[in-house]
Amino acid sequence: MQKLNIPASFVKVTAKEKAIQTVSATSQAKGSKKARHSAARLAAVQALYQMDGNEQSAPSVIREYVDFRFGETVDGEAMISPDRELFSRLVSGVAERRDDLDHMVAATLGRERPADRLLNCIILCGAWELLARTDVDAPIIISDYLHVTEAFYDQGEKKLVNAVLDKIATNLRN
């Protein structure tokens, strides 16, 4: 295969173009407040799943995600950087109130928590946020966790998450 000879001037990026690319990448990675909150919820579910599988502590997994996973690029695309405060509060909050949350979910389901660890992590994050973040409307929280569920499942899991979180919200906020 013959190597192409492309003049350097053809691929040279001007200072102005570089500045535009940098601002664009920064804006994309940062995202809106809503997008950063959604990204924090997704990251918290993943972190809890990791904690369950590896028996990691909340501070350890929070540090790992903030130091090494936030701001990554995937397939050359800059990912939206999660809201660090919300992420940290979610992970540490679920870890601190795990027993209470497990009982709340079991009471809502009328049985033990879901056997599927990832599904359980989604429900636990949503339950903690409905319990602790009364400044955020329940439908906003539930909607975001339904989107998280859709990222991993395509069957009836979304209906289960919706039903459980809606019942928890009704019990906690009415």
C-alpha atoms as a PDB file:
ATOM      1  CA  MET A   1       0.000   0.000   0.000  1.00  0.00           C
ATOM      2  CA  GLN A   2       1.399   3.359  -1.000  1.00  0.00           C
ATOM      3  CA  LYS A   3       1.800   6.064   1.612  1.00  0.00           C
ATOM      4  CA  LEU A   4       0.064   9.340   0.777  1.00  0.00           C
ATOM      5  CA  ASN A   5       2.141  12.501   0.794  1.00  0.00           C
ATOM      6  CA  ILE A   6      -0.015  15.190   2.328  1.00  0.00           C
ATOM      7  CA  PRO A   7       1.523  18.658   2.609  1.00  0.00           C
ATOM      8  CA  ALA A   8       1.945  19.853   6.211  1.00  0.00           C
ATOM      9  CA  SER A   9       0.103  23.075   5.370  1.00  0.00           C
ATOM     10  CA  PHE A  10      -2.971  21.004   4.500  1.00  0.00           C
ATOM     11  CA  VAL A  11      -3.303  19.487   7.994  1.00  0.00           C
ATOM     12  CA  LYS A  12      -1.973  22.427   9.958  1.00  0.00           C
ATOM     13  CA  VAL A  13      -4.532  23.756  12.419  1.00  0.00           C
ATOM     14  CA  THR A  14      -4.550  27.483  12.930  1.00  0.00           C
ATOM     15  CA  ALA A  15      -4.519  28.974  16.424  1.00  0.00           C
ATOM     16  CA  LYS A  16      -8.100  30.181  15.915  1.00  0.00           C
ATOM     17  CA  GLU A  17      -9.289  26.711  14.834  1.00  0.00           C
ATOM     18  CA  LYS A  18      -7.492  25.133  17.793  1.00  0.00           C
ATOM     19  CA  ALA A  19      -9.188  27.583  20.202  1.00  0.00           C
ATOM     20  CA  ILE A  20     -12.605  26.797  18.694  1.00  0.00           C
ATOM     21  CA  GLN A  21     -11.935  23.045  19.001  1.00  0.00           C
ATOM     22  CA  THR A  22     -10.835  23.445  22.619  1.00  0.00           C
ATOM     23  CA  VAL A  23     -13.895  25.496  23.572  1.00  0.00           C
ATOM     24  CA  SER A  24     -16.157  23.045  21.753  1.00  0.00           C
ATOM     25  CA  ALA A  25     -14.602  20.008  23.458  1.00  0.00           C
ATOM     26  CA  THR A  26     -14.739  21.731  26.837  1.00  0.00           C
ATOM     27  CA  SER A  27     -18.393  22.670  26.381  1.00  0.00           C
ATOM     28  CA  GLN A  28     -19.255  19.161  25.259  1.00  0.00           C
ATOM     29  CA  ALA A  29     -17.428  17.557  28.147  1.00  0.00           C
ATOM     30  CA  LYS A  30     -18.922  19.941  30.687  1.00  0.00           C
ATOM     31  CA  GLY A  31     -22.509  19.876  29.443  1.00  0.00           C
ATOM     32  CA  SER A  32     -25.555  21.518  30.967  1.00  0.00           C
ATOM     33  CA  LYS A  33     -26.388  21.180  34.653  1.00  0.00           C
ATOM     34  CA  LYS A  34     -29.142  18.687  33.798  1.00  0.00           C
ATOM     35  CA  ALA A  35     -26.770  16.629  31.641  1.00  0.00           C
ATOM     36  CA  ARG A  36     -24.092  16.661  34.346  1.00  0.00           C
ATOM     37  CA  HIS A  37     -26.660  15.488  36.933  1.00  0.00           C
ATOM     38  CA  SER A  38     -27.810  12.699  34.607  1.00  0.00           C
ATOM     39  CA  ALA A  39     -24.186  11.665  34.058  1.00  0.00           C
ATOM     40  CA  ALA A  40     -23.623  11.670  37.846  1.00  0.00           C
ATOM     41  CA  ARG A  41     -26.601   9.355  38.351  1.00  0.00           C
ATOM     42  CA  LEU A  42     -25.340   6.928  35.732  1.00  0.00           C
ATOM     43  CA  ALA A  43     -21.805   7.001  37.167  1.00  0.00           C
ATOM     44  CA  ALA A  44     -23.149   6.452  40.706  1.00  0.00           C
ATOM     45  CA  VAL A  45     -25.056   3.353  39.605  1.00  0.00           C
ATOM     46  CA  GLN A  46     -21.896   2.017  37.950  1.00  0.00           C
ATOM     47  CA  ALA A  47     -19.811   2.848  41.033  1.00  0.00           C
ATOM     48  CA  LEU A  48     -22.257   1.061  43.359  1.00  0.00           C
ATOM     49  CA  TYR A  49     -22.242  -1.964  41.080  1.00  0.00           C
ATOM     50  CA  GLN A  50     -18.445  -1.944  41.259  1.00  0.00           C
ATOM     51  CA  MET A  51     -18.533  -1.571  45.058  1.00  0.00           C
ATOM     52  CA  ASP A  52     -20.842  -4.578  45.356  1.00  0.00           C
ATOM     53  CA  GLY A  53     -18.664  -6.726  43.112  1.00  0.00           C
ATOM     54  CA  ASN A  54     -15.278  -5.730  44.482  1.00  0.00           C
ATOM     55  CA  GLU A  55     -16.185  -4.950  48.081  1.00  0.00           C
ATOM     56  CA  GLN A  56     -14.710  -1.459  47.715  1.00  0.00           C
ATOM     57  CA  SER A  57     -15.459   1.327  50.156  1.00  0.00           C
ATOM     58  CA  ALA A  58     -17.396   4.402  49.075  1.00  0.00           C
ATOM     59  CA  PRO A  59     -14.432   6.787  49.512  1.00  0.00           C
ATOM     60  CA  SER A  60     -12.205   4.480  47.466  1.00  0.00           C
ATOM     61  CA  VAL A  61     -14.592   4.165  44.536  1.00  0.00           C
ATOM     62  CA  ILE A  62     -15.426   7.890  44.594  1.00  0.00           C
ATOM     63  CA  ARG A  63     -11.735   8.740  44.422  1.00  0.00           C
ATOM     64  CA  GLU A  64     -11.194   6.254  41.567  1.00  0.00           C
ATOM     65  CA  TYR A  65     -14.043   7.641  39.485  1.00  0.00           C
ATOM     66  CA  VAL A  66     -13.177  11.301  40.050  1.00  0.00           C
ATOM     67  CA  ASP A  67      -9.439  10.797  39.462  1.00  0.00           C
ATOM     68  CA  PHE A  68      -9.509   8.318  36.594  1.00  0.00           C
ATOM     69  CA  ARG A  69     -12.922   7.986  34.953  1.00  0.00           C
ATOM     70  CA  PHE A  70     -14.458  11.443  34.781  1.00  0.00           C
ATOM     71  CA  GLY A  71     -13.544  13.360  31.641  1.00  0.00           C
ATOM     72  CA  GLU A  72     -12.624  10.245  29.666  1.00  0.00           C
ATOM     73  CA  THR A  73     -13.125  10.056  25.953  1.00  0.00           C
ATOM     74  CA  VAL A  74     -14.931   7.076  24.472  1.00  0.00           C
ATOM     75  CA  ASP A  75     -14.352   6.264  20.812  1.00  0.00           C
ATOM     76  CA  GLY A  76     -12.810   9.717  20.383  1.00  0.00           C
ATOM     77  CA  GLU A  77     -15.865  11.484  21.823  1.00  0.00           C
ATOM     78  CA  ALA A  78     -15.586  13.668  24.913  1.00  0.00           C
ATOM     79  CA  MET A  79     -18.025  12.429  27.535  1.00  0.00           C
ATOM     80  CA  ILE A  80     -20.065  14.794  29.672  1.00  0.00           C
ATOM     81  CA  SER A  81     -18.343  15.227  32.991  1.00  0.00           C
ATOM     82  CA  PRO A  82     -20.631  14.152  35.856  1.00  0.00           C
ATOM     83  CA  ASP A  83     -21.482  16.589  38.619  1.00  0.00           C
ATOM     84  CA  ARG A  84     -18.896  15.549  41.213  1.00  0.00           C
ATOM     85  CA  GLU A  85     -20.847  16.723  44.235  1.00  0.00           C
ATOM     86  CA  LEU A  86     -24.007  14.835  43.273  1.00  0.00           C
ATOM     87  CA  PHE A  87     -21.981  11.744  42.360  1.00  0.00           C
ATOM     88  CA  SER A  88     -20.168  11.783  45.711  1.00  0.00           C
ATOM     89  CA  ARG A  89     -23.379  12.372  47.664  1.00  0.00           C
ATOM     90  CA  LEU A  90     -25.144   9.524  45.850  1.00  0.00           C
ATOM     91  CA  VAL A  91     -22.389   6.958  46.360  1.00  0.00           C
ATOM     92  CA  SER A  92     -21.656   7.864  49.976  1.00  0.00           C
ATOM     93  CA  GLY A  93     -25.358   8.334  50.780  1.00  0.00           C
ATOM     94  CA  VAL A  94     -26.347   4.906  49.490  1.00  0.00           C
ATOM     95  CA  ALA A  95     -23.375   3.321  51.285  1.00  0.00           C
ATOM     96  CA  GLU A  96     -24.275   5.017  54.598  1.00  0.00           C
ATOM     97  CA  ARG A  97     -28.001   4.217  54.406  1.00  0.00           C
ATOM     98  CA  ARG A  98     -27.725   0.833  52.663  1.00  0.00           C
ATOM     99  CA  ASP A  99     -29.605  -1.177  55.296  1.00  0.00           C
ATOM    100  CA  ASP A 100     -32.445   1.364  55.466  1.00  0.00           C
ATOM    101  CA  LEU A 101     -32.648   1.499  51.677  1.00  0.00           C
ATOM    102  CA  ASP A 102     -32.636  -2.308  51.357  1.00  0.00           C
ATOM    103  CA  HIS A 103     -35.540  -2.504  53.829  1.00  0.00           C
ATOM    104  CA  MET A 104     -37.406   0.269  52.007  1.00  0.00           C
ATOM    105  CA  VAL A 105     -37.014  -1.474  48.646  1.00  0.00           C
ATOM    106  CA  ALA A 106     -37.979  -4.882  50.108  1.00  0.00           C
ATOM    107  CA  ALA A 107     -41.095  -3.378  51.731  1.00  0.00           C
ATOM    108  CA  THR A 108     -42.034  -1.699  48.448  1.00  0.00           C
ATOM    109  CA  LEU A 109     -41.543  -4.895  46.461  1.00  0.00           C
ATOM    110  CA  GLY A 110     -43.140  -7.100  49.106  1.00  0.00           C
ATOM    111  CA  ARG A 111     -40.083  -9.349  48.873  1.00  0.00           C
ATOM    112  CA  GLU A 112     -36.307  -9.193  49.050  1.00  0.00           C
ATOM    113  CA  ARG A 113     -34.412  -6.841  46.766  1.00  0.00           C
ATOM    114  CA  PRO A 114     -33.995  -7.748  43.081  1.00  0.00           C
ATOM    115  CA  ALA A 115     -31.518 -10.561  42.462  1.00  0.00           C
ATOM    116  CA  ASP A 116     -30.009  -8.609  39.573  1.00  0.00           C
ATOM    117  CA  ARG A 117     -27.234  -6.516  41.175  1.00  0.00           C
ATOM    118  CA  LEU A 118     -27.281  -3.760  38.556  1.00  0.00           C
ATOM    119  CA  LEU A 119     -31.054  -3.375  38.744  1.00  0.00           C
ATOM    120  CA  ASN A 120     -30.782  -3.216  42.523  1.00  0.00           C
ATOM    121  CA  CYS A 121     -28.107  -0.489  42.276  1.00  0.00           C
ATOM    122  CA  ILE A 122     -30.375   1.590  40.033  1.00  0.00           C
ATOM    123  CA  ILE A 123     -33.265   1.283  42.497  1.00  0.00           C
ATOM    124  CA  LEU A 124     -31.050   2.012  45.527  1.00  0.00           C
ATOM    125  CA  CYS A 125     -29.667   5.204  43.967  1.00  0.00           C
ATOM    126  CA  GLY A 126     -33.148   6.376  43.049  1.00  0.00           C
ATOM    127  CA  ALA A 127     -34.505   5.526  46.496  1.00  0.00           C
ATOM    128  CA  TRP A 128     -31.698   7.390  48.252  1.00  0.00           C
ATOM    129  CA  GLU A 129     -32.197  10.438  46.083  1.00  0.00           C
ATOM    130  CA  LEU A 130     -35.957  10.443  46.687  1.00  0.00           C
ATOM    131  CA  LEU A 131     -35.257  10.197  50.410  1.00  0.00           C
ATOM    132  CA  ALA A 132     -32.439  12.728  50.705  1.00  0.00           C
ATOM    133  CA  ARG A 133     -32.930  15.239  47.896  1.00  0.00           C
ATOM    134  CA  THR A 134     -36.313  16.743  48.644  1.00  0.00           C
ATOM    135  CA  ASP A 135     -35.223  19.868  46.730  1.00  0.00           C
ATOM    136  CA  VAL A 136     -35.588  17.921  43.463  1.00  0.00           C
ATOM    137  CA  ASP A 137     -39.027  16.938  42.175  1.00  0.00           C
ATOM    138  CA  ALA A 138     -39.649  13.192  42.269  1.00  0.00           C
ATOM    139  CA  PRO A 139     -40.587  12.917  38.553  1.00  0.00           C
ATOM    140  CA  ILE A 140     -37.195  14.389  37.582  1.00  0.00           C
ATOM    141  CA  ILE A 141     -35.342  11.844  39.702  1.00  0.00           C
ATOM    142  CA  ILE A 142     -37.471   8.927  38.521  1.00  0.00           C
ATOM    143  CA  SER A 143     -37.156   9.953  34.877  1.00  0.00           C
ATOM    144  CA  ASP A 144     -33.365  10.014  35.066  1.00  0.00           C
ATOM    145  CA  TYR A 145     -33.230   6.535  36.614  1.00  0.00           C
ATOM    146  CA  LEU A 146     -35.558   5.257  33.900  1.00  0.00           C
ATOM    147  CA  HIS A 147     -33.032   6.553  31.347  1.00  0.00           C
ATOM    148  CA  VAL A 148     -30.243   4.796  33.260  1.00  0.00           C
ATOM    149  CA  THR A 149     -32.308   1.599  33.189  1.00  0.00           C
ATOM    150  CA  GLU A 150     -32.827   1.941  29.420  1.00  0.00           C
ATOM    151  CA  ALA A 151     -29.057   2.173  28.968  1.00  0.00           C
ATOM    152  CA  PHE A 152     -28.677  -1.378  30.302  1.00  0.00           C
ATOM    153  CA  TYR A 153     -31.985  -3.176  29.752  1.00  0.00           C
ATOM    154  CA  ASP A 154     -34.610  -3.474  27.057  1.00  0.00           C
ATOM    155  CA  GLN A 155     -37.257  -5.662  28.689  1.00  0.00           C
ATOM    156  CA  GLY A 156     -39.629  -5.062  31.611  1.00  0.00           C
ATOM    157  CA  GLU A 157     -36.972  -3.754  33.997  1.00  0.00           C
ATOM    158  CA  LYS A 158     -37.927  -0.161  33.236  1.00  0.00           C
ATOM    159  CA  LYS A 159     -41.499  -0.843  34.415  1.00  0.00           C
ATOM    160  CA  LEU A 160     -40.181  -2.360  37.639  1.00  0.00           C
ATOM    161  CA  VAL A 161     -37.886   0.602  38.348  1.00  0.00           C
ATOM    162  CA  ASN A 162     -40.704   3.042  37.601  1.00  0.00           C
ATOM    163  CA  ALA A 163     -43.177   1.213  39.855  1.00  0.00           C
ATOM    164  CA  VAL A 164     -40.749   0.864  42.768  1.00  0.00           C
ATOM    165  CA  LEU A 165     -39.453   4.446  42.655  1.00  0.00           C
ATOM    166  CA  ASP A 166     -42.945   5.872  42.161  1.00  0.00           C
ATOM    167  CA  LYS A 167     -44.254   3.955  45.201  1.00  0.00           C
ATOM    168  CA  ILE A 168     -41.244   5.049  47.286  1.00  0.00           C
ATOM    169  CA  ALA A 169     -41.784   8.664  46.211  1.00  0.00           C
ATOM    170  CA  THR A 170     -45.459   8.465  47.137  1.00  0.00           C
ATOM    171  CA  ASN A 171     -44.650   7.010  50.554  1.00  0.00           C
ATOM    172  CA  LEU A 172     -41.854   9.498  51.288  1.00  0.00           C
ATOM    173  CA  ARG A 173     -43.241  12.712  49.873  1.00  0.00           C
ATOM    174  CA  ASN A 174     -46.981  12.628  50.603  1.00  0.00           C
END
